[in-house]
Amino acid sequence: MRDAPEVTVLRLGHRPGRDERITTHVGLTARALGADRVVLAGAASSRADTVVDITDRFGGPFDVETTDEPKRRIRDFAGTVVHLTMYGEPIQDVVEGVREAHETSPLLVVVGAGKVPFEVYERADYNVGVTNQPHSEIASLAVLLDRLYEGAELDREWEDPDQVVIPTETGKKVIDPEDAEDAE
């Protein structure tokens, strides 16, 4: 998983007051499921501190960036652009091509909010739909990353965490990483 070129998730758009948790969860999902960085555009940049805090507490590496020029980031991206949209080609039909492209090329995954400009559809190498039905962009991102990595991201080891979650059948167990070996 880590030998492949980078995966960057770009949160394009953000509706203040409406998308606070959604934008935060796009960043957290990107981190948890194997992306290398998230770029939050414009008003979405207000959510960066939360994603950085989670990375600091639960480990990395994972980078958080902000941009005031998201369209330029898409236009100038030197790699494969994947745009998640319910209007795109079914993921099951294109994921092999995305995976093959990612073997040699960095990947930019564009996750929109609200109306996405048509130029994003035109620039994308893949416009990808997960079910072609209205649902969460977070779910689409999760499905794409899981299919891209074929489940390998679920066994990822995190570097320098301040806290480690110990899986339990019931309840919650979060401990200091120095105590993790004894707790398992």
N, C-alpha and C. Protein backbone atom coordinates (compact mmCIF):
# COMPACT_ATOMS: atom_id res chain seq x y z
N MET A 1 0.82 -1.20 0.00
CA MET A 1 0.00 0.00 0.00
C MET A 1 0.86 1.26 0.00
N ARG A 2 1.88 1.33 0.81
CA ARG A 2 2.72 2.51 0.90
C ARG A 2 3.74 2.62 -0.22
N ASP A 3 3.95 1.57 -1.00
CA ASP A 3 4.92 1.62 -2.08
C ASP A 3 4.37 2.35 -3.31
N ALA A 4 3.09 2.48 -3.40
CA ALA A 4 2.45 3.13 -4.55
C ALA A 4 2.60 4.65 -4.45
N PRO A 5 2.42 5.35 -5.56
CA PRO A 5 2.43 6.81 -5.52
C PRO A 5 1.34 7.35 -4.59
N GLU A 6 1.46 8.60 -4.23
CA GLU A 6 0.56 9.23 -3.27
C GLU A 6 -0.90 9.26 -3.73
N VAL A 7 -1.77 9.24 -2.73
CA VAL A 7 -3.19 9.49 -2.94
C VAL A 7 -3.55 10.73 -2.15
N THR A 8 -4.07 11.73 -2.85
CA THR A 8 -4.52 12.97 -2.24
C THR A 8 -6.02 13.08 -2.44
N VAL A 9 -6.73 13.46 -1.39
CA VAL A 9 -8.16 13.70 -1.48
C VAL A 9 -8.38 15.20 -1.40
N LEU A 10 -9.10 15.75 -2.37
CA LEU A 10 -9.42 17.17 -2.41
C LEU A 10 -10.90 17.34 -2.12
N ARG A 11 -11.19 18.04 -1.02
CA ARG A 11 -12.58 18.37 -0.71
C ARG A 11 -12.89 19.66 -1.45
N LEU A 12 -13.66 19.54 -2.51
CA LEU A 12 -14.00 20.68 -3.37
C LEU A 12 -15.34 21.24 -2.93
N GLY A 13 -15.31 22.42 -2.38
CA GLY A 13 -16.54 23.04 -1.92
C GLY A 13 -16.81 22.72 -0.46
N HIS A 14 -17.59 23.57 0.16
CA HIS A 14 -17.94 23.41 1.56
C HIS A 14 -19.00 24.45 1.84
N ARG A 15 -20.13 24.00 2.36
CA ARG A 15 -21.21 24.92 2.69
C ARG A 15 -21.20 25.15 4.20
N PRO A 16 -20.65 26.32 4.63
CA PRO A 16 -20.55 26.60 6.06
C PRO A 16 -21.91 26.45 6.75
N GLY A 17 -21.86 25.87 7.94
CA GLY A 17 -23.08 25.65 8.69
C GLY A 17 -23.78 24.36 8.33
N ARG A 18 -23.52 23.87 7.13
CA ARG A 18 -24.16 22.64 6.67
C ARG A 18 -23.17 21.48 6.57
N ASP A 19 -21.95 21.76 6.15
CA ASP A 19 -20.99 20.71 5.84
C ASP A 19 -19.86 20.54 6.85
N GLU A 20 -19.97 21.15 8.02
CA GLU A 20 -18.87 21.08 8.98
C GLU A 20 -18.46 19.63 9.27
N ARG A 21 -19.42 18.81 9.69
CA ARG A 21 -19.10 17.42 10.02
C ARG A 21 -18.76 16.59 8.78
N ILE A 22 -19.44 16.87 7.68
CA ILE A 22 -19.18 16.12 6.45
C ILE A 22 -17.74 16.35 6.00
N THR A 23 -17.31 17.59 5.96
CA THR A 23 -15.95 17.89 5.53
C THR A 23 -14.93 17.27 6.48
N THR A 24 -15.19 17.38 7.78
CA THR A 24 -14.29 16.74 8.75
C THR A 24 -14.22 15.25 8.50
N HIS A 25 -15.35 14.61 8.25
CA HIS A 25 -15.38 13.17 8.04
C HIS A 25 -14.76 12.76 6.71
N VAL A 26 -14.80 13.62 5.71
CA VAL A 26 -14.06 13.33 4.47
C VAL A 26 -12.57 13.24 4.81
N GLY A 27 -12.06 14.19 5.57
CA GLY A 27 -10.65 14.16 5.96
C GLY A 27 -10.31 12.95 6.81
N LEU A 28 -11.16 12.63 7.78
CA LEU A 28 -10.88 11.49 8.65
C LEU A 28 -10.97 10.17 7.90
N THR A 29 -11.91 10.06 6.98
CA THR A 29 -12.04 8.85 6.17
C THR A 29 -10.84 8.70 5.25
N ALA A 30 -10.41 9.78 4.64
CA ALA A 30 -9.22 9.74 3.79
C ALA A 30 -8.04 9.22 4.59
N ARG A 31 -7.85 9.73 5.78
CA ARG A 31 -6.74 9.31 6.64
C ARG A 31 -6.87 7.85 7.02
N ALA A 32 -8.01 7.48 7.56
CA ALA A 32 -8.18 6.13 8.09
C ALA A 32 -8.10 5.04 7.02
N LEU A 33 -8.48 5.38 5.79
CA LEU A 33 -8.56 4.36 4.75
C LEU A 33 -7.46 4.46 3.70
N GLY A 34 -6.35 5.10 4.06
CA GLY A 34 -5.16 4.95 3.25
C GLY A 34 -4.68 6.09 2.39
N ALA A 35 -5.40 7.20 2.33
CA ALA A 35 -4.88 8.34 1.56
C ALA A 35 -3.68 8.93 2.29
N ASP A 36 -2.87 9.66 1.57
CA ASP A 36 -1.67 10.27 2.16
C ASP A 36 -1.92 11.69 2.64
N ARG A 37 -2.92 12.34 2.04
CA ARG A 37 -3.19 13.73 2.42
C ARG A 37 -4.61 14.11 2.03
N VAL A 38 -5.10 15.15 2.68
CA VAL A 38 -6.35 15.77 2.29
C VAL A 38 -6.07 17.25 2.06
N VAL A 39 -6.69 17.79 1.03
CA VAL A 39 -6.61 19.22 0.75
C VAL A 39 -8.02 19.77 0.89
N LEU A 40 -8.17 20.74 1.77
CA LEU A 40 -9.47 21.35 2.03
C LEU A 40 -9.50 22.71 1.36
N ALA A 41 -10.53 22.93 0.57
CA ALA A 41 -10.61 24.14 -0.25
C ALA A 41 -11.47 25.21 0.41
N GLY A 42 -11.00 26.45 0.30
CA GLY A 42 -11.77 27.61 0.71
C GLY A 42 -12.30 27.52 2.12
N ALA A 43 -13.62 27.65 2.27
CA ALA A 43 -14.25 27.64 3.59
C ALA A 43 -14.06 26.32 4.32
N ALA A 44 -13.75 25.26 3.59
CA ALA A 44 -13.53 23.95 4.21
C ALA A 44 -12.26 23.93 5.06
N SER A 45 -11.36 24.88 4.83
CA SER A 45 -10.10 24.89 5.56
C SER A 45 -10.30 25.04 7.06
N SER A 46 -11.47 25.50 7.48
CA SER A 46 -11.75 25.63 8.91
C SER A 46 -11.77 24.28 9.61
N ARG A 47 -11.89 23.20 8.87
CA ARG A 47 -11.95 21.85 9.44
C ARG A 47 -10.58 21.21 9.56
N ALA A 48 -9.55 21.86 9.06
CA ALA A 48 -8.20 21.27 9.05
C ALA A 48 -7.70 20.95 10.45
N ASP A 49 -7.94 21.83 11.42
CA ASP A 49 -7.42 21.61 12.77
C ASP A 49 -7.93 20.31 13.39
N THR A 50 -9.16 19.96 13.12
CA THR A 50 -9.72 18.72 13.68
C THR A 50 -9.01 17.51 13.10
N VAL A 51 -8.77 17.50 11.81
CA VAL A 51 -8.10 16.37 11.16
C VAL A 51 -6.65 16.28 11.63
N VAL A 52 -5.98 17.41 11.79
CA VAL A 52 -4.62 17.43 12.31
C VAL A 52 -4.59 16.89 13.74
N ASP A 53 -5.55 17.29 14.56
CA ASP A 53 -5.62 16.82 15.94
C ASP A 53 -5.77 15.30 16.01
N ILE A 54 -6.65 14.74 15.19
CA ILE A 54 -6.84 13.28 15.17
C ILE A 54 -5.55 12.59 14.72
N THR A 55 -4.88 13.14 13.73
CA THR A 55 -3.63 12.56 13.26
C THR A 55 -2.58 12.60 14.36
N ASP A 56 -2.50 13.71 15.08
CA ASP A 56 -1.55 13.82 16.18
C ASP A 56 -1.84 12.79 17.28
N ARG A 57 -3.11 12.59 17.57
CA ARG A 57 -3.47 11.67 18.66
C ARG A 57 -3.38 10.20 18.27
N PHE A 58 -3.81 9.86 17.03
CA PHE A 58 -3.91 8.46 16.66
C PHE A 58 -2.86 8.00 15.66
N GLY A 59 -1.96 8.88 15.26
CA GLY A 59 -0.83 8.49 14.42
C GLY A 59 -0.97 8.88 12.97
N GLY A 60 0.13 8.78 12.30
CA GLY A 60 0.21 9.14 10.90
C GLY A 60 1.03 8.10 10.17
N PRO A 61 1.66 8.50 9.07
CA PRO A 61 1.67 9.85 8.53
C PRO A 61 0.39 10.19 7.77
N PHE A 62 0.03 11.45 7.82
CA PHE A 62 -1.09 11.99 7.06
C PHE A 62 -0.95 13.49 7.06
N ASP A 63 -1.04 14.10 5.89
CA ASP A 63 -0.88 15.55 5.76
C ASP A 63 -2.22 16.21 5.49
N VAL A 64 -2.36 17.41 6.02
CA VAL A 64 -3.56 18.22 5.80
C VAL A 64 -3.11 19.55 5.22
N GLU A 65 -3.69 19.90 4.08
CA GLU A 65 -3.37 21.17 3.43
C GLU A 65 -4.65 21.93 3.17
N THR A 66 -4.51 23.21 2.91
CA THR A 66 -5.63 24.03 2.50
C THR A 66 -5.26 24.74 1.20
N THR A 67 -6.28 25.13 0.45
CA THR A 67 -6.03 25.87 -0.79
C THR A 67 -7.19 26.83 -1.05
N ASP A 68 -6.85 27.95 -1.61
CA ASP A 68 -7.86 28.89 -2.09
C ASP A 68 -8.06 28.75 -3.60
N GLU A 69 -7.31 27.83 -4.21
CA GLU A 69 -7.40 27.63 -5.66
C GLU A 69 -7.60 26.15 -5.98
N PRO A 70 -8.72 25.58 -5.58
CA PRO A 70 -8.92 24.14 -5.81
C PRO A 70 -9.00 23.77 -7.29
N LYS A 71 -9.59 24.62 -8.11
CA LYS A 71 -9.68 24.29 -9.54
C LYS A 71 -8.30 24.24 -10.17
N ARG A 72 -7.42 25.12 -9.73
CA ARG A 72 -6.05 25.10 -10.24
C ARG A 72 -5.35 23.82 -9.80
N ARG A 73 -5.57 23.38 -8.55
CA ARG A 73 -4.96 22.13 -8.07
C ARG A 73 -5.40 20.97 -8.95
N ILE A 74 -6.67 20.96 -9.33
CA ILE A 74 -7.18 19.89 -10.19
C ILE A 74 -6.58 20.00 -11.59
N ARG A 75 -6.65 21.21 -12.14
CA ARG A 75 -6.17 21.45 -13.51
C ARG A 75 -4.69 21.12 -13.66
N ASP A 76 -3.88 21.48 -12.66
CA ASP A 76 -2.43 21.32 -12.76
C ASP A 76 -1.91 20.00 -12.17
N PHE A 77 -2.79 19.16 -11.69
CA PHE A 77 -2.35 17.93 -11.03
C PHE A 77 -1.61 17.03 -12.01
N ALA A 78 -0.42 16.62 -11.64
CA ALA A 78 0.40 15.75 -12.49
C ALA A 78 0.17 14.31 -12.07
N GLY A 79 -0.93 13.77 -12.51
CA GLY A 79 -1.27 12.40 -12.16
C GLY A 79 -2.68 12.11 -12.62
N THR A 80 -3.28 11.09 -12.01
CA THR A 80 -4.62 10.65 -12.38
C THR A 80 -5.64 11.32 -11.47
N VAL A 81 -6.68 11.91 -12.08
CA VAL A 81 -7.74 12.57 -11.32
C VAL A 81 -8.98 11.69 -11.35
N VAL A 82 -9.48 11.38 -10.14
CA VAL A 82 -10.70 10.60 -9.98
C VAL A 82 -11.72 11.51 -9.30
N HIS A 83 -12.83 11.72 -9.96
CA HIS A 83 -13.90 12.57 -9.42
C HIS A 83 -15.04 11.66 -8.98
N LEU A 84 -15.38 11.71 -7.69
CA LEU A 84 -16.50 10.91 -7.19
C LEU A 84 -17.80 11.67 -7.42
N THR A 85 -18.69 11.06 -8.18
CA THR A 85 -19.97 11.68 -8.51
C THR A 85 -20.99 10.59 -8.78
N MET A 86 -22.23 10.82 -8.38
CA MET A 86 -23.25 9.80 -8.64
C MET A 86 -23.53 9.64 -10.12
N TYR A 87 -23.04 10.57 -10.94
CA TYR A 87 -23.28 10.53 -12.38
C TYR A 87 -22.18 9.79 -13.13
N GLY A 88 -21.17 9.31 -12.42
CA GLY A 88 -20.02 8.70 -13.05
C GLY A 88 -20.23 7.25 -13.44
N GLU A 89 -19.19 6.70 -14.05
CA GLU A 89 -19.20 5.29 -14.43
C GLU A 89 -19.19 4.44 -13.16
N PRO A 90 -19.86 3.30 -13.16
CA PRO A 90 -19.90 2.46 -11.97
C PRO A 90 -18.49 2.06 -11.51
N ILE A 91 -18.26 2.17 -10.23
CA ILE A 91 -16.94 1.88 -9.67
C ILE A 91 -16.46 0.49 -10.05
N GLN A 92 -17.37 -0.47 -10.04
CA GLN A 92 -16.97 -1.85 -10.36
C GLN A 92 -16.47 -1.98 -11.80
N ASP A 93 -16.83 -1.05 -12.67
CA ASP A 93 -16.39 -1.09 -14.06
C ASP A 93 -15.05 -0.39 -14.29
N VAL A 94 -14.66 0.51 -13.37
CA VAL A 94 -13.45 1.31 -13.61
C VAL A 94 -12.36 1.14 -12.57
N VAL A 95 -12.64 0.44 -11.49
CA VAL A 95 -11.65 0.38 -10.40
C VAL A 95 -10.35 -0.27 -10.83
N GLU A 96 -10.39 -1.26 -11.71
CA GLU A 96 -9.15 -1.88 -12.20
C GLU A 96 -8.29 -0.85 -12.91
N GLY A 97 -8.91 -0.02 -13.76
CA GLY A 97 -8.17 1.02 -14.45
C GLY A 97 -7.58 2.04 -13.50
N VAL A 98 -8.35 2.41 -12.49
CA VAL A 98 -7.85 3.36 -11.47
C VAL A 98 -6.67 2.73 -10.74
N ARG A 99 -6.80 1.48 -10.35
CA ARG A 99 -5.72 0.78 -9.63
C ARG A 99 -4.46 0.70 -10.50
N GLU A 100 -4.63 0.36 -11.78
CA GLU A 100 -3.48 0.28 -12.69
C GLU A 100 -2.83 1.65 -12.87
N ALA A 101 -3.62 2.69 -13.02
CA ALA A 101 -3.07 4.04 -13.16
C ALA A 101 -2.29 4.43 -11.91
N HIS A 102 -2.80 4.03 -10.75
CA HIS A 102 -2.16 4.39 -9.49
C HIS A 102 -0.84 3.66 -9.26
N GLU A 103 -0.59 2.59 -9.97
CA GLU A 103 0.68 1.89 -9.83
C GLU A 103 1.85 2.78 -10.24
N THR A 104 1.62 3.69 -11.18
CA THR A 104 2.70 4.53 -11.68
C THR A 104 2.43 6.03 -11.55
N SER A 105 1.27 6.40 -11.06
CA SER A 105 0.87 7.80 -11.08
C SER A 105 0.21 8.20 -9.77
N PRO A 106 0.54 9.38 -9.24
CA PRO A 106 -0.20 9.87 -8.07
C PRO A 106 -1.68 10.00 -8.42
N LEU A 107 -2.50 9.93 -7.40
CA LEU A 107 -3.95 9.96 -7.59
C LEU A 107 -4.52 11.15 -6.83
N LEU A 108 -5.38 11.90 -7.48
CA LEU A 108 -6.13 12.97 -6.84
C LEU A 108 -7.59 12.56 -6.87
N VAL A 109 -8.18 12.38 -5.69
CA VAL A 109 -9.59 12.02 -5.58
C VAL A 109 -10.36 13.27 -5.21
N VAL A 110 -11.26 13.71 -6.08
CA VAL A 110 -12.04 14.93 -5.86
C VAL A 110 -13.39 14.54 -5.27
N VAL A 111 -13.68 15.12 -4.10
CA VAL A 111 -14.94 14.89 -3.40
C VAL A 111 -15.65 16.23 -3.32
N GLY A 112 -16.76 16.35 -4.00
CA GLY A 112 -17.46 17.63 -4.08
C GLY A 112 -18.45 17.85 -2.95
N ALA A 113 -18.92 19.08 -2.92
CA ALA A 113 -20.02 19.49 -2.05
C ALA A 113 -20.84 20.46 -2.87
N GLY A 114 -22.13 20.29 -2.90
CA GLY A 114 -22.94 21.16 -3.73
C GLY A 114 -22.68 20.89 -5.20
N LYS A 115 -22.91 21.88 -6.02
CA LYS A 115 -22.76 21.72 -7.46
C LYS A 115 -21.29 21.80 -7.85
N VAL A 116 -20.83 20.78 -8.55
CA VAL A 116 -19.44 20.72 -8.99
C VAL A 116 -19.35 21.31 -10.40
N PRO A 117 -18.39 22.22 -10.63
CA PRO A 117 -18.26 22.82 -11.96
C PRO A 117 -17.98 21.76 -13.03
N PHE A 118 -18.54 21.98 -14.22
CA PHE A 118 -18.40 21.01 -15.30
C PHE A 118 -16.95 20.77 -15.68
N GLU A 119 -16.10 21.78 -15.51
CA GLU A 119 -14.69 21.61 -15.86
C GLU A 119 -14.02 20.51 -15.03
N VAL A 120 -14.55 20.21 -13.84
CA VAL A 120 -14.01 19.10 -13.04
C VAL A 120 -14.32 17.78 -13.73
N TYR A 121 -15.54 17.63 -14.23
CA TYR A 121 -15.91 16.42 -14.97
C TYR A 121 -15.02 16.25 -16.19
N GLU A 122 -14.74 17.36 -16.88
CA GLU A 122 -13.92 17.29 -18.09
C GLU A 122 -12.46 16.96 -17.79
N ARG A 123 -11.93 17.50 -16.71
CA ARG A 123 -10.51 17.25 -16.36
C ARG A 123 -10.30 15.85 -15.80
N ALA A 124 -11.29 15.31 -15.13
CA ALA A 124 -11.13 14.01 -14.48
C ALA A 124 -10.80 12.91 -15.49
N ASP A 125 -9.86 12.07 -15.11
CA ASP A 125 -9.57 10.89 -15.91
C ASP A 125 -10.67 9.84 -15.71
N TYR A 126 -11.24 9.85 -14.51
CA TYR A 126 -12.34 8.95 -14.16
C TYR A 126 -13.39 9.73 -13.38
N ASN A 127 -14.61 9.75 -13.86
CA ASN A 127 -15.76 10.20 -13.09
C ASN A 127 -16.43 8.92 -12.59
N VAL A 128 -16.39 8.72 -11.28
CA VAL A 128 -16.76 7.44 -10.69
C VAL A 128 -18.01 7.57 -9.83
N GLY A 129 -18.96 6.69 -10.08
CA GLY A 129 -20.17 6.62 -9.28
C GLY A 129 -20.18 5.36 -8.43
N VAL A 130 -20.57 5.52 -7.18
CA VAL A 130 -20.76 4.37 -6.29
C VAL A 130 -22.27 4.23 -6.14
N THR A 131 -22.85 3.36 -6.91
CA THR A 131 -24.28 3.03 -7.00
C THR A 131 -25.10 3.97 -7.87
N ASN A 132 -24.56 5.09 -8.30
CA ASN A 132 -25.31 6.06 -9.11
C ASN A 132 -26.62 6.48 -8.45
N GLN A 133 -26.62 6.48 -7.13
CA GLN A 133 -27.77 6.93 -6.35
C GLN A 133 -27.30 8.01 -5.38
N PRO A 134 -28.20 8.91 -5.01
CA PRO A 134 -27.81 9.93 -4.02
C PRO A 134 -27.47 9.26 -2.69
N HIS A 135 -26.30 9.56 -2.17
CA HIS A 135 -25.91 9.13 -0.82
C HIS A 135 -24.69 9.93 -0.41
N SER A 136 -24.00 9.51 0.60
CA SER A 136 -22.92 10.28 1.21
C SER A 136 -21.63 10.23 0.41
N GLU A 137 -21.01 11.39 0.27
CA GLU A 137 -19.69 11.44 -0.35
C GLU A 137 -18.65 10.73 0.52
N ILE A 138 -18.90 10.65 1.81
CA ILE A 138 -18.00 9.92 2.70
C ILE A 138 -18.03 8.43 2.36
N ALA A 139 -19.22 7.91 2.15
CA ALA A 139 -19.36 6.49 1.78
C ALA A 139 -18.68 6.22 0.44
N SER A 140 -18.85 7.11 -0.51
CA SER A 140 -18.20 6.92 -1.82
C SER A 140 -16.69 6.90 -1.68
N LEU A 141 -16.16 7.81 -0.88
CA LEU A 141 -14.71 7.85 -0.67
C LEU A 141 -14.23 6.56 -0.01
N ALA A 142 -14.96 6.09 0.98
CA ALA A 142 -14.58 4.86 1.68
C ALA A 142 -14.58 3.66 0.74
N VAL A 143 -15.62 3.55 -0.07
CA VAL A 143 -15.70 2.42 -1.01
C VAL A 143 -14.55 2.51 -2.02
N LEU A 144 -14.30 3.70 -2.57
CA LEU A 144 -13.21 3.84 -3.54
C LEU A 144 -11.87 3.44 -2.93
N LEU A 145 -11.54 3.97 -1.76
CA LEU A 145 -10.25 3.66 -1.16
C LEU A 145 -10.14 2.17 -0.82
N ASP A 146 -11.20 1.59 -0.31
CA ASP A 146 -11.16 0.16 0.01
C ASP A 146 -10.95 -0.67 -1.24
N ARG A 147 -11.64 -0.33 -2.31
CA ARG A 147 -11.46 -1.07 -3.57
C ARG A 147 -10.08 -0.82 -4.17
N LEU A 148 -9.59 0.41 -4.06
CA LEU A 148 -8.26 0.73 -4.57
C LEU A 148 -7.19 -0.12 -3.89
N TYR A 149 -7.27 -0.20 -2.56
CA TYR A 149 -6.25 -0.92 -1.79
C TYR A 149 -6.60 -2.38 -1.54
N GLU A 150 -7.75 -2.80 -2.02
CA GLU A 150 -8.20 -4.18 -1.88
C GLU A 150 -8.16 -4.66 -0.42
N GLY A 151 -8.53 -3.77 0.48
CA GLY A 151 -8.63 -4.11 1.90
C GLY A 151 -7.34 -3.99 2.69
N ALA A 152 -6.21 -3.77 2.04
CA ALA A 152 -4.92 -3.71 2.74
C ALA A 152 -4.87 -2.56 3.74
N GLU A 153 -5.62 -1.49 3.49
CA GLU A 153 -5.60 -0.33 4.39
C GLU A 153 -6.17 -0.65 5.76
N LEU A 154 -6.93 -1.73 5.87
CA LEU A 154 -7.55 -2.08 7.14
C LEU A 154 -6.54 -2.62 8.15
N ASP A 155 -5.38 -3.05 7.68
CA ASP A 155 -4.33 -3.58 8.55
C ASP A 155 -3.16 -2.61 8.72
N ARG A 156 -3.37 -1.37 8.37
CA ARG A 156 -2.30 -0.38 8.41
C ARG A 156 -1.76 -0.19 9.83
N GLU A 157 -0.46 -0.02 9.92
CA GLU A 157 0.21 0.32 11.17
C GLU A 157 0.42 1.84 11.20
N TRP A 158 0.12 2.47 12.32
CA TRP A 158 0.22 3.92 12.44
C TRP A 158 1.50 4.30 13.17
N GLU A 159 2.14 5.37 12.72
CA GLU A 159 3.38 5.84 13.31
C GLU A 159 3.11 6.90 14.38
N ASP A 160 3.82 6.81 15.48
CA ASP A 160 3.85 7.81 16.54
C ASP A 160 2.49 8.22 17.10
N PRO A 161 1.61 7.28 17.40
CA PRO A 161 0.33 7.67 18.00
C PRO A 161 0.50 8.04 19.48
N ASP A 162 -0.33 8.95 19.95
CA ASP A 162 -0.41 9.25 21.37
C ASP A 162 -1.42 8.33 22.05
N GLN A 163 -2.33 7.78 21.24
CA GLN A 163 -3.37 6.88 21.74
C GLN A 163 -3.52 5.72 20.77
N VAL A 164 -3.85 4.55 21.33
CA VAL A 164 -4.08 3.37 20.51
C VAL A 164 -5.41 2.76 20.93
N VAL A 165 -6.24 2.44 19.95
CA VAL A 165 -7.51 1.78 20.22
C VAL A 165 -7.26 0.28 20.22
N ILE A 166 -7.69 -0.37 21.28
CA ILE A 166 -7.60 -1.82 21.39
C ILE A 166 -8.98 -2.38 21.05
N PRO A 167 -9.09 -3.17 19.99
CA PRO A 167 -10.39 -3.72 19.62
C PRO A 167 -10.95 -4.60 20.74
N THR A 168 -12.22 -4.40 21.04
CA THR A 168 -12.90 -5.19 22.06
C THR A 168 -14.27 -5.60 21.55
N GLU A 169 -14.77 -6.68 22.10
CA GLU A 169 -16.10 -7.15 21.71
C GLU A 169 -17.18 -6.16 22.15
N THR A 170 -17.01 -5.60 23.34
CA THR A 170 -17.93 -4.57 23.85
C THR A 170 -17.11 -3.51 24.57
N GLY A 171 -17.63 -2.32 24.64
CA GLY A 171 -16.95 -1.25 25.35
C GLY A 171 -15.91 -0.55 24.50
N LYS A 172 -15.14 0.30 25.18
CA LYS A 172 -14.12 1.10 24.52
C LYS A 172 -12.82 0.95 25.30
N LYS A 173 -11.74 0.77 24.57
CA LYS A 173 -10.43 0.68 25.22
C LYS A 173 -9.43 1.48 24.40
N VAL A 174 -8.99 2.61 24.94
CA VAL A 174 -8.00 3.47 24.31
C VAL A 174 -6.87 3.62 25.32
N ILE A 175 -5.65 3.29 24.90
CA ILE A 175 -4.53 3.29 25.82
C ILE A 175 -3.32 4.01 25.25
N ASP A 176 -2.32 4.21 26.10
CA ASP A 176 -1.05 4.75 25.70
C ASP A 176 -0.34 3.71 24.83
N PRO A 177 0.31 4.11 23.74
CA PRO A 177 0.93 3.12 22.85
C PRO A 177 2.00 2.26 23.54
N GLU A 178 2.64 2.78 24.58
CA GLU A 178 3.64 2.00 25.29
C GLU A 178 3.03 0.80 26.00
N ASP A 179 1.73 0.87 26.29
CA ASP A 179 1.03 -0.23 26.96
C ASP A 179 0.31 -1.15 25.98
N ALA A 180 0.40 -0.89 24.68
CA ALA A 180 -0.38 -1.60 23.68
C ALA A 180 -0.03 -3.09 23.59
N GLU A 181 1.26 -3.42 23.62
CA GLU A 181 1.64 -4.83 23.51
C GLU A 181 1.09 -5.64 24.67
N ASP A 182 1.10 -5.10 25.86
CA ASP A 182 0.60 -5.81 27.04
C ASP A 182 -0.92 -5.98 26.99
N ALA A 183 -1.61 -5.05 26.31
CA ALA A 183 -3.08 -5.05 26.30
C ALA A 183 -3.67 -6.03 25.30
N GLU A 184 -2.87 -6.46 24.32
CA GLU A 184 -3.43 -7.32 23.28
C GLU A 184 -3.48 -8.72 23.69
